PDB file of N, CA and C in Angstrom:
ATOM      1  N   UNK A   1       4.538  -3.874  -5.144  1.00  0.00           N
ATOM      2  CA  UNK A   1       3.527  -4.439  -4.237  1.00  0.00           C
ATOM      3  C   UNK A   1       3.146  -5.791  -4.767  1.00  0.00           C
ATOM      4  N   UNK A   2       3.172  -6.789  -3.886  1.00  0.00           N
ATOM      5  CA  UNK A   2       2.907  -8.175  -4.278  1.00  0.00           C
ATOM      6  C   UNK A   2       1.915  -8.778  -3.340  1.00  0.00           C
ATOM      7  N   UNK A   3       0.900  -9.473  -3.920  1.00  0.00           N
ATOM      8  CA  UNK A   3      -0.070 -10.241  -3.055  1.00  0.00           C
ATOM      9  C   UNK A   3       0.667 -11.519  -2.660  1.00  0.00           C
ATOM     10  N   UNK A   4       0.774 -11.737  -1.341  1.00  0.00           N
ATOM     11  CA  UNK A   4       1.495 -12.900  -0.827  1.00  0.00           C
ATOM     12  C   UNK A   4       0.582 -13.907  -0.147  1.00  0.00           C
ATOM     13  N   UNK A   5      -0.711 -13.572   0.039  1.00  0.00           N
ATOM     14  CA  UNK A   5      -1.675 -14.523   0.565  1.00  0.00           C
ATOM     15  C   UNK A   5      -3.083 -13.974   0.204  1.00  0.00           C
ATOM     16  N   UNK A   6      -4.090 -14.683   0.686  1.00  0.00           N
ATOM     17  CA  UNK A   6      -5.460 -14.281   0.308  1.00  0.00           C
ATOM     18  C   UNK A   6      -5.924 -12.989   0.966  1.00  0.00           C
ATOM     19  N   UNK A   7      -5.099 -12.430   1.874  1.00  0.00           N
ATOM     20  CA  UNK A   7      -5.462 -11.209   2.546  1.00  0.00           C
ATOM     21  C   UNK A   7      -4.298 -10.253   2.813  1.00  0.00           C
ATOM     22  N   UNK A   8      -3.128 -10.504   2.200  1.00  0.00           N
ATOM     23  CA  UNK A   8      -1.923  -9.745   2.563  1.00  0.00           C
ATOM     24  C   UNK A   8      -1.157  -9.286   1.315  1.00  0.00           C
ATOM     25  N   UNK A   9      -0.679  -8.055   1.360  1.00  0.00           N
ATOM     26  CA  UNK A   9       0.163  -7.484   0.340  1.00  0.00           C
ATOM     27  C   UNK A   9       1.463  -7.032   0.967  1.00  0.00           C
ATOM     28  N   UNK A  10       2.559  -7.432   0.308  1.00  0.00           N
ATOM     29  CA  UNK A  10       3.885  -6.991   0.747  1.00  0.00           C
ATOM     30  C   UNK A  10       4.309  -5.830  -0.153  1.00  0.00           C
ATOM     31  N   UNK A  11       4.708  -4.717   0.428  1.00  0.00           N
ATOM     32  CA  UNK A  11       5.141  -3.548  -0.330  1.00  0.00           C
ATOM     33  C   UNK A  11       6.618  -3.366  -0.105  1.00  0.00           C
ATOM     34  N   UNK A  12       7.404  -3.439  -1.194  1.00  0.00           N
ATOM     35  CA  UNK A  12       8.824  -3.224  -1.148  1.00  0.00           C
ATOM     36  C   UNK A  12       9.115  -1.844  -1.736  1.00  0.00           C
ATOM     37  N   UNK A  13       9.672  -0.969  -0.941  1.00  0.00           N
ATOM     38  CA  UNK A  13       9.928   0.415  -1.366  1.00  0.00           C
ATOM     39  C   UNK A  13      11.344   0.591  -1.895  1.00  0.00           C
ATOM     40  N   UNK A  14      11.538   1.551  -2.784  1.00  0.00           N
ATOM     41  CA  UNK A  14      12.839   1.774  -3.373  1.00  0.00           C
ATOM     42  C   UNK A  14      13.741   2.576  -2.423  1.00  0.00           C
ATOM     43  N   UNK A  15      13.138   3.308  -1.522  1.00  0.00           N
ATOM     44  CA  UNK A  15      13.884   4.118  -0.528  1.00  0.00           C
ATOM     45  C   UNK A  15      13.352   3.834   0.856  1.00  0.00           C
ATOM     46  N   UNK A  16      14.179   3.918   1.871  1.00  0.00           N
ATOM     47  CA  UNK A  16      13.709   3.694   3.239  1.00  0.00           C
ATOM     48  C   UNK A  16      12.746   4.785   3.717  1.00  0.00           C
ATOM     49  N   UNK A  17      11.780   4.348   4.511  1.00  0.00           N
ATOM     50  CA  UNK A  17      10.831   5.265   5.119  1.00  0.00           C
ATOM     51  C   UNK A  17      10.963   5.207   6.611  1.00  0.00           C
ATOM     52  N   UNK A  18      10.558   6.264   7.278  1.00  0.00           N
ATOM     53  CA  UNK A  18      10.649   6.360   8.706  1.00  0.00           C
ATOM     54  C   UNK A  18       9.524   5.534   9.376  1.00  0.00           C
ATOM     55  N   UNK A  19       9.824   4.999  10.530  1.00  0.00           N
ATOM     56  CA  UNK A  19       8.809   4.331  11.349  1.00  0.00           C
ATOM     57  C   UNK A  19       8.127   5.395  12.158  1.00  0.00           C
ATOM     58  N   UNK A  20       6.960   5.848  11.676  1.00  0.00           N
ATOM     59  CA  UNK A  20       6.207   6.902  12.385  1.00  0.00           C
ATOM     60  C   UNK A  20       4.728   6.606  12.238  1.00  0.00           C
ATOM     61  N   UNK A  21       3.899   7.424  12.870  1.00  0.00           N
ATOM     62  CA  UNK A  21       2.474   7.213  12.895  1.00  0.00           C
ATOM     63  C   UNK A  21       1.889   7.230  11.485  1.00  0.00           C
ATOM     64  N   UNK A  22       2.362   8.091  10.625  1.00  0.00           N
ATOM     65  CA  UNK A  22       1.902   8.195   9.259  1.00  0.00           C
ATOM     66  C   UNK A  22       2.110   6.892   8.516  1.00  0.00           C
ATOM     67  N   UNK A  23       3.251   6.264   8.667  1.00  0.00           N
ATOM     68  CA  UNK A  23       3.585   5.091   7.934  1.00  0.00           C
ATOM     69  C   UNK A  23       2.701   3.886   8.305  1.00  0.00           C
ATOM     70  N   UNK A  24       2.353   3.762   9.607  1.00  0.00           N
ATOM     71  CA  UNK A  24       1.578   2.603  10.001  1.00  0.00           C
ATOM     72  C   UNK A  24       0.065   2.872  10.139  1.00  0.00           C
ATOM     73  N   UNK A  25      -0.381   4.061   9.811  1.00  0.00           N
ATOM     74  CA  UNK A  25      -1.793   4.358   9.901  1.00  0.00           C
ATOM     75  C   UNK A  25      -2.542   3.771   8.671  1.00  0.00           C
ATOM     76  N   UNK A  26      -3.520   2.885   8.926  1.00  0.00           N
ATOM     77  CA  UNK A  26      -4.274   2.224   7.836  1.00  0.00           C
ATOM     78  C   UNK A  26      -4.883   3.220   6.855  1.00  0.00           C
ATOM     79  N   UNK A  27      -5.402   4.319   7.351  1.00  0.00           N
ATOM     80  CA  UNK A  27      -6.115   5.297   6.524  1.00  0.00           C
ATOM     81  C   UNK A  27      -5.155   5.976   5.517  1.00  0.00           C
ATOM     82  N   UNK A  28      -3.856   5.764   5.638  1.00  0.00           N
ATOM     83  CA  UNK A  28      -2.908   6.350   4.726  1.00  0.00           C
ATOM     84  C   UNK A  28      -2.876   5.563   3.424  1.00  0.00           C
ATOM     85  N   UNK A  29      -3.483   4.376   3.379  1.00  0.00           N
ATOM     86  CA  UNK A  29      -3.407   3.478   2.197  1.00  0.00           C
ATOM     87  C   UNK A  29      -4.806   3.163   1.713  1.00  0.00           C
ATOM     88  N   UNK A  30      -4.916   2.946   0.387  1.00  0.00           N
ATOM     89  CA  UNK A  30      -6.168   2.447  -0.181  1.00  0.00           C
ATOM     90  C   UNK A  30      -5.823   1.534  -1.344  1.00  0.00           C
ATOM     91  N   UNK A  31      -6.543   0.434  -1.420  1.00  0.00           N
ATOM     92  CA  UNK A  31      -6.414  -0.532  -2.483  1.00  0.00           C
ATOM     93  C   UNK A  31      -7.599  -0.318  -3.432  1.00  0.00           C
ATOM     94  N   UNK A  32      -7.317  -0.002  -4.673  1.00  0.00           N
ATOM     95  CA  UNK A  32      -8.359   0.345  -5.609  1.00  0.00           C
ATOM     96  C   UNK A  32      -8.510  -0.715  -6.689  1.00  0.00           C
ATOM     97  N   UNK A  33      -9.771  -0.937  -7.069  1.00  0.00           N
ATOM     98  CA  UNK A  33     -10.058  -1.855  -8.162  1.00  0.00           C
ATOM     99  C   UNK A  33     -11.418  -1.538  -8.805  1.00  0.00           C
ATOM    100  N   UNK A  34     -11.587  -1.928 -10.067  1.00  0.00           N
ATOM    101  CA  UNK A  34     -12.837  -1.677 -10.740  1.00  0.00           C
ATOM    102  C   UNK A  34     -13.855  -2.748 -10.396  1.00  0.00           C
ATOM    103  N   UNK A  35     -15.091  -2.289 -10.227  1.00  0.00           N
ATOM    104  CA  UNK A  35     -16.163  -3.260  -9.906  1.00  0.00           C
ATOM    105  C   UNK A  35     -17.491  -2.684 -10.364  1.00  0.00           C
ATOM    106  N   UNK A  36     -18.154  -3.367 -11.273  1.00  0.00           N
ATOM    107  CA  UNK A  36     -19.481  -2.976 -11.792  1.00  0.00           C
ATOM    108  C   UNK A  36     -19.462  -1.541 -12.321  1.00  0.00           C
ATOM    109  N   UNK A  37     -18.441  -1.205 -13.081  1.00  0.00           N
ATOM    110  CA  UNK A  37     -18.367   0.075 -13.734  1.00  0.00           C
ATOM    111  C   UNK A  37     -17.889   1.215 -12.841  1.00  0.00           C
ATOM    112  N   UNK A  38     -17.586   0.953 -11.566  1.00  0.00           N
ATOM    113  CA  UNK A  38     -17.100   1.974 -10.642  1.00  0.00           C
ATOM    114  C   UNK A  38     -15.743   1.571 -10.092  1.00  0.00           C
ATOM    115  N   UNK A  39     -15.252   2.409  -9.206  1.00  0.00           N
ATOM    116  CA  UNK A  39     -14.014   2.134  -8.522  1.00  0.00           C
ATOM    117  C   UNK A  39     -14.262   1.916  -7.040  1.00  0.00           C
ATOM    118  N   UNK A  40     -13.684   0.841  -6.505  1.00  0.00           N
ATOM    119  CA  UNK A  40     -13.849   0.500  -5.113  1.00  0.00           C
ATOM    120  C   UNK A  40     -12.524   0.732  -4.405  1.00  0.00           C
ATOM    121  N   UNK A  41     -12.591   1.319  -3.204  1.00  0.00           N
ATOM    122  CA  UNK A  41     -11.390   1.521  -2.371  1.00  0.00           C
ATOM    123  C   UNK A  41     -11.532   0.687  -1.143  1.00  0.00           C
ATOM    124  N   UNK A  42     -10.457  -0.057  -0.825  1.00  0.00           N
ATOM    125  CA  UNK A  42     -10.386  -0.853   0.403  1.00  0.00           C
ATOM    126  C   UNK A  42      -9.274  -0.290   1.249  1.00  0.00           C
ATOM    127  N   UNK A  43      -9.511  -0.177   2.518  1.00  0.00           N
ATOM    128  CA  UNK A  43      -8.476   0.272   3.484  1.00  0.00           C
ATOM    129  C   UNK A  43      -7.968  -0.979   4.210  1.00  0.00           C
ATOM    130  N   UNK A  44      -6.676  -1.107   4.439  1.00  0.00           N
ATOM    131  CA  UNK A  44      -6.179  -2.274   5.170  1.00  0.00           C
ATOM    132  C   UNK A  44      -6.685  -2.355   6.587  1.00  0.00           C
ATOM    133  N   UNK A  45      -6.796  -3.548   7.068  1.00  0.00           N
ATOM    134  CA  UNK A  45      -7.172  -3.788   8.479  1.00  0.00           C
ATOM    135  C   UNK A  45      -6.027  -3.306   9.365  1.00  0.00           C
ATOM    136  N   UNK A  46      -4.800  -3.555   8.978  1.00  0.00           N
ATOM    137  CA  UNK A  46      -3.647  -3.010   9.691  1.00  0.00           C
ATOM    138  C   UNK A  46      -2.434  -2.970   8.772  1.00  0.00           C
ATOM    139  N   UNK A  47      -1.440  -2.221   9.163  1.00  0.00           N
ATOM    140  CA  UNK A  47      -0.185  -2.062   8.444  1.00  0.00           C
ATOM    141  C   UNK A  47       0.944  -2.401   9.376  1.00  0.00           C
ATOM    142  N   UNK A  48       1.818  -3.269   8.948  1.00  0.00           N
ATOM    143  CA  UNK A  48       2.990  -3.621   9.737  1.00  0.00           C
ATOM    144  C   UNK A  48       4.248  -3.094   9.079  1.00  0.00           C
ATOM    145  N   UNK A  49       5.015  -2.330   9.830  1.00  0.00           N
ATOM    146  CA  UNK A  49       6.320  -1.851   9.385  1.00  0.00           C
ATOM    147  C   UNK A  49       7.308  -2.960   9.636  1.00  0.00           C
ATOM    148  N   UNK A  50       7.694  -3.683   8.594  1.00  0.00           N
ATOM    149  CA  UNK A  50       8.587  -4.805   8.719  1.00  0.00           C
ATOM    150  C   UNK A  50      10.048  -4.349   8.835  1.00  0.00           C
ATOM    151  N   UNK A  51      10.452  -3.486   7.922  1.00  0.00           N
ATOM    152  CA  UNK A  51      11.784  -2.851   7.971  1.00  0.00           C
ATOM    153  C   UNK A  51      11.683  -1.542   7.151  1.00  0.00           C
ATOM    154  N   UNK A  52      12.755  -0.770   7.100  1.00  0.00           N
ATOM    155  CA  UNK A  52      12.658   0.555   6.434  1.00  0.00           C
ATOM    156  C   UNK A  52      12.197   0.519   4.959  1.00  0.00           C
ATOM    157  N   UNK A  53      12.342  -0.619   4.299  1.00  0.00           N
ATOM    158  CA  UNK A  53      11.940  -0.692   2.896  1.00  0.00           C
ATOM    159  C   UNK A  53      10.787  -1.680   2.668  1.00  0.00           C
ATOM    160  N   UNK A  54      10.210  -2.218   3.739  1.00  0.00           N
ATOM    161  CA  UNK A  54       9.133  -3.249   3.578  1.00  0.00           C
ATOM    162  C   UNK A  54       7.982  -2.966   4.512  1.00  0.00           C
ATOM    163  N   UNK A  55       6.776  -2.925   3.902  1.00  0.00           N
ATOM    164  CA  UNK A  55       5.544  -2.801   4.662  1.00  0.00           C
ATOM    165  C   UNK A  55       4.663  -4.010   4.350  1.00  0.00           C
ATOM    166  N   UNK A  56       3.919  -4.482   5.332  1.00  0.00           N
ATOM    167  CA  UNK A  56       2.961  -5.552   5.167  1.00  0.00           C
ATOM    168  C   UNK A  56       1.564  -4.989   5.431  1.00  0.00           C
ATOM    169  N   UNK A  57       0.679  -5.105   4.417  1.00  0.00           N
ATOM    170  CA  UNK A  57      -0.669  -4.586   4.552  1.00  0.00           C
ATOM    171  C   UNK A  57      -1.651  -5.770   4.582  1.00  0.00           C
ATOM    172  N   UNK A  58      -2.463  -5.820   5.606  1.00  0.00           N
ATOM    173  CA  UNK A  58      -3.431  -6.908   5.759  1.00  0.00           C
ATOM    174  C   UNK A  58      -4.809  -6.351   5.420  1.00  0.00           C
ATOM    175  N   UNK A  59      -5.556  -7.099   4.619  1.00  0.00           N
ATOM    176  CA  UNK A  59      -6.921  -6.709   4.224  1.00  0.00           C
ATOM    177  C   UNK A  59      -7.871  -7.805   4.645  1.00  0.00           C
ATOM    178  N   UNK A  60      -9.196  -7.571   4.466  1.00  0.00           N
ATOM    179  CA  UNK A  60     -10.161  -8.587   4.841  1.00  0.00           C
ATOM    180  C   UNK A  60     -10.101  -9.796   3.919  1.00  0.00           C
ATOM    181  N   UNK A  61     -10.039  -9.565   2.648  1.00  0.00           N
ATOM    182  CA  UNK A  61      -9.940 -10.638   1.639  1.00  0.00           C
ATOM    183  C   UNK A  61      -9.590 -10.019   0.303  1.00  0.00           C
ATOM    184  N   UNK A  62      -8.703 -10.678  -0.462  1.00  0.00           N
ATOM    185  CA  UNK A  62      -8.330 -10.216  -1.789  1.00  0.00           C
ATOM    186  C   UNK A  62      -8.819 -11.202  -2.818  1.00  0.00           C
ATOM    187  N   UNK A  63      -9.290 -10.702  -3.919  1.00  0.00           N
ATOM    188  CA  UNK A  63      -9.764 -11.530  -5.025  1.00  0.00           C
ATOM    189  C   UNK A  63      -8.627 -11.614  -6.045  1.00  0.00           C
ATOM    190  N   UNK A  64      -8.086 -12.818  -6.274  1.00  0.00           N
ATOM    191  CA  UNK A  64      -6.967 -12.997  -7.178  1.00  0.00           C
ATOM    192  C   UNK A  64      -7.289 -12.658  -8.615  1.00  0.00           C
ATOM    193  N   UNK A  65      -8.555 -12.541  -8.960  1.00  0.00           N
ATOM    194  CA  UNK A  65      -8.973 -12.225 -10.345  1.00  0.00           C
ATOM    195  C   UNK A  65      -9.027 -10.740 -10.622  1.00  0.00           C
ATOM    196  N   UNK A  66      -8.948  -9.930  -9.619  1.00  0.00           N
ATOM    197  CA  UNK A  66      -9.027  -8.467  -9.779  1.00  0.00           C
ATOM    198  C   UNK A  66      -7.666  -7.866  -9.968  1.00  0.00           C
ATOM    199  N   UNK A  67      -7.647  -6.718 -10.678  1.00  0.00           N
ATOM    200  CA  UNK A  67      -6.434  -5.950 -10.847  1.00  0.00           C
ATOM    201  C   UNK A  67      -6.476  -4.825  -9.829  1.00  0.00           C
ATOM    202  N   UNK A  68      -5.489  -4.802  -8.963  1.00  0.00           N
ATOM    203  CA  UNK A  68      -5.443  -3.832  -7.873  1.00  0.00           C
ATOM    204  C   UNK A  68      -4.351  -2.777  -8.083  1.00  0.00           C
ATOM    205  N   UNK A  69      -4.663  -1.592  -7.590  1.00  0.00           N
ATOM    206  CA  UNK A  69      -3.662  -0.495  -7.495  1.00  0.00           C
ATOM    207  C   UNK A  69      -3.631  -0.045  -6.068  1.00  0.00           C
ATOM    208  N   UNK A  70      -2.453   0.070  -5.510  1.00  0.00           N
ATOM    209  CA  UNK A  70      -2.298   0.525  -4.127  1.00  0.00           C
ATOM    210  C   UNK A  70      -1.886   1.995  -4.170  1.00  0.00           C
ATOM    211  N   UNK A  71      -2.536   2.767  -3.314  1.00  0.00           N
ATOM    212  CA  UNK A  71      -2.221   4.197  -3.218  1.00  0.00           C
ATOM    213  C   UNK A  71      -1.999   4.543  -1.778  1.00  0.00           C
ATOM    214  N   UNK A  72      -1.031   5.458  -1.537  1.00  0.00           N
ATOM    215  CA  UNK A  72      -0.816   5.923  -0.208  1.00  0.00           C
ATOM    216  C   UNK A  72      -0.781   7.466  -0.284  1.00  0.00           C
ATOM    217  N   UNK A  73      -1.215   8.087   0.798  1.00  0.00           N
ATOM    218  CA  UNK A  73      -1.267   9.532   0.826  1.00  0.00           C
ATOM    219  C   UNK A  73       0.076  10.161   0.957  1.00  0.00           C
ATOM    220  N   UNK A  74       0.869   9.737   1.938  1.00  0.00           N
ATOM    221  CA  UNK A  74       2.218  10.272   2.167  1.00  0.00           C
ATOM    222  C   UNK A  74       3.051   9.244   2.899  1.00  0.00           C
ATOM    223  N   UNK A  75       4.347   9.277   2.637  1.00  0.00           N
ATOM    224  CA  UNK A  75       5.317   8.548   3.424  1.00  0.00           C
ATOM    225  C   UNK A  75       6.447   9.517   3.689  1.00  0.00           C
ATOM    226  N   UNK A  76       7.131   9.327   4.797  1.00  0.00           N
ATOM    227  CA  UNK A  76       8.262  10.214   5.138  1.00  0.00           C
ATOM    228  C   UNK A  76       9.560   9.464   5.211  1.00  0.00           C
ATOM    229  N   UNK A  77      10.631  10.150   4.811  1.00  0.00           N
ATOM    230  CA  UNK A  77      11.948   9.543   4.990  1.00  0.00           C
ATOM    231  C   UNK A  77      12.439   9.851   6.397  1.00  0.00           C
ATOM    232  N   UNK A  78      13.669   9.417   6.697  1.00  0.00           N
ATOM    233  CA  UNK A  78      14.214   9.582   8.060  1.00  0.00           C
ATOM    234  C   UNK A  78      14.373  11.063   8.476  1.00  0.00           C
ATOM    235  N   UNK A  79      14.513  11.940   7.507  1.00  0.00           N
ATOM    236  CA  UNK A  79      14.713  13.331   7.838  1.00  0.00           C
ATOM    237  C   UNK A  79      13.381  14.046   8.073  1.00  0.00           C
ATOM    238  N   UNK A  80      12.265  13.325   7.864  1.00  0.00           N
ATOM    239  CA  UNK A  80      10.947  13.892   8.068  1.00  0.00           C
ATOM    240  C   UNK A  80      10.348  14.536   6.823  1.00  0.00           C
ATOM    241  N   UNK A  81      11.058  14.426   5.701  1.00  0.00           N
ATOM    242  CA  UNK A  81      10.563  14.981   4.445  1.00  0.00           C
ATOM    243  C   UNK A  81       9.511  14.019   3.820  1.00  0.00           C
ATOM    244  N   UNK A  82       8.485  14.606   3.212  1.00  0.00           N
ATOM    245  CA  UNK A  82       7.474  13.802   2.545  1.00  0.00           C
ATOM    246  C   UNK A  82       8.064  13.194   1.261  1.00  0.00           C
ATOM    247  N   UNK A  83       7.597  11.973   0.947  1.00  0.00           N
ATOM    248  CA  UNK A  83       8.084  11.269  -0.218  1.00  0.00           C
ATOM    249  C   UNK A  83       7.369  11.715  -1.505  1.00  0.00           C
ATOM    250  N   UNK A  84       6.306  12.476  -1.391  1.00  0.00           N
ATOM    251  CA  UNK A  84       5.570  12.932  -2.566  1.00  0.00           C
ATOM    252  C   UNK A  84       4.115  13.194  -2.198  1.00  0.00           C
ATOM    253  N   UNK A  85       3.365  13.693  -3.194  1.00  0.00           N
ATOM    254  CA  UNK A  85       1.960  14.012  -2.978  1.00  0.00           C
ATOM    255  C   UNK A  85       1.100  13.061  -3.748  1.00  0.00           C
ATOM    256  N   UNK A  86       0.098  12.464  -3.093  1.00  0.00           N
ATOM    257  CA  UNK A  86      -0.817  11.543  -3.754  1.00  0.00           C
ATOM    258  C   UNK A  86      -1.619  12.202  -4.817  1.00  0.00           C
ATOM    259  N   UNK A  87      -1.957  13.469  -4.661  1.00  0.00           N
ATOM    260  CA  UNK A  87      -2.736  14.200  -5.643  1.00  0.00           C
ATOM    261  C   UNK A  87      -2.002  14.267  -6.960  1.00  0.00           C
ATOM    262  N   UNK A  88      -0.666  14.218  -6.944  1.00  0.00           N
ATOM    263  CA  UNK A  88       0.109  14.298  -8.163  1.00  0.00           C
ATOM    264  C   UNK A  88       0.200  12.934  -8.844  1.00  0.00           C
ATOM    265  N   UNK A  89      -0.309  11.893  -8.214  1.00  0.00           N
ATOM    266  CA  UNK A  89      -0.279  10.550  -8.787  1.00  0.00           C
ATOM    267  C   UNK A  89       1.033   9.813  -8.574  1.00  0.00           C
ATOM    268  N   UNK A  90       1.937  10.382  -7.848  1.00  0.00           N
ATOM    269  CA  UNK A  90       3.243   9.783  -7.611  1.00  0.00           C
ATOM    270  C   UNK A  90       3.209   8.618  -6.657  1.00  0.00           C
ATOM    271  N   UNK A  91       2.149   8.496  -5.879  1.00  0.00           N
ATOM    272  CA  UNK A  91       2.070   7.485  -4.841  1.00  0.00           C
ATOM    273  C   UNK A  91       1.145   6.336  -5.180  1.00  0.00           C
ATOM    274  N   UNK A  92       1.224   5.865  -6.391  1.00  0.00           N
ATOM    275  CA  UNK A  92       0.397   4.755  -6.851  1.00  0.00           C
ATOM    276  C   UNK A  92       1.274   3.585  -7.283  1.00  0.00           C
ATOM    277  N   UNK A  93       0.958   2.378  -6.803  1.00  0.00           N
ATOM    278  CA  UNK A  93       1.763   1.208  -7.077  1.00  0.00           C
ATOM    279  C   UNK A  93       0.852   0.120  -7.651  1.00  0.00           C
ATOM    280  N   UNK A  94       1.236  -0.507  -8.746  1.00  0.00           N
ATOM    281  CA  UNK A  94       0.498  -1.636  -9.306  1.00  0.00           C
ATOM    282  C   UNK A  94       0.778  -2.861  -8.457  1.00  0.00           C
ATOM    283  N   UNK A  95      -0.258  -3.590  -8.119  1.00  0.00           N
ATOM    284  CA  UNK A  95      -0.112  -4.773  -7.287  1.00  0.00           C
ATOM    285  C   UNK A  95      -0.047  -6.019  -8.215  1.00  0.00           C
ATOM    286  N   UNK A  96       0.934  -6.884  -7.961  1.00  0.00           N
ATOM    287  CA  UNK A  96       1.106  -8.095  -8.759  1.00  0.00           C
ATOM    288  C   UNK A  96       0.844  -9.304  -7.860  1.00  0.00           C
ATOM    289  N   UNK A  97       0.746 -10.468  -8.499  1.00  0.00           N
ATOM    290  CA  UNK A  97       0.556 -11.715  -7.784  1.00  0.00           C
ATOM    291  C   UNK A  97       1.909 -12.407  -7.550  1.00  0.00           C
ATOM    292  N   UNK A  98       2.015 -13.208  -6.509  1.00  0.00           N
ATOM    293  CA  UNK A  98       3.177 -14.035  -6.335  1.00  0.00           C
ATOM    294  C   UNK A  98       4.006 -13.563  -5.146  1.00  0.00           C
ATOM    295  N   UNK A  99       5.135 -14.301  -4.947  1.00  0.00           N
ATOM    296  CA  UNK A  99       5.977 -14.001  -3.794  1.00  0.00           C
ATOM    297  C   UNK A  99       7.285 -13.430  -4.333  1.00  0.00           C
ATOM    298  N   UNK A 100       7.845 -12.542  -3.536  1.00  0.00           N
ATOM    299  CA  UNK A 100       9.182 -12.003  -3.839  1.00  0.00           C
ATOM    300  C   UNK A 100      10.112 -12.316  -2.743  1.00  0.00           C
TER     301      UNK A 100
END
């Protein structure tokens, strides 16, 4: 996951995911960061399915000084199988700066 503008994160996946309601639902994703001793979660304004391995997540505003972690609840492959369980911690991605 890479911050590509002041409000956008590009997520490049290692495996293709299906274009379905779960993939594009904003509530499926949360951007986490530390703030004043606690953890803040931001939900994207919208999610764009760019291609089977690329998602674009738009937020209200990103602070380039913060360290972000992106989490998703579930993603499905083309066969309809879940890619993993968020509760197990498998669905967490460190967000970096820059363009890919």
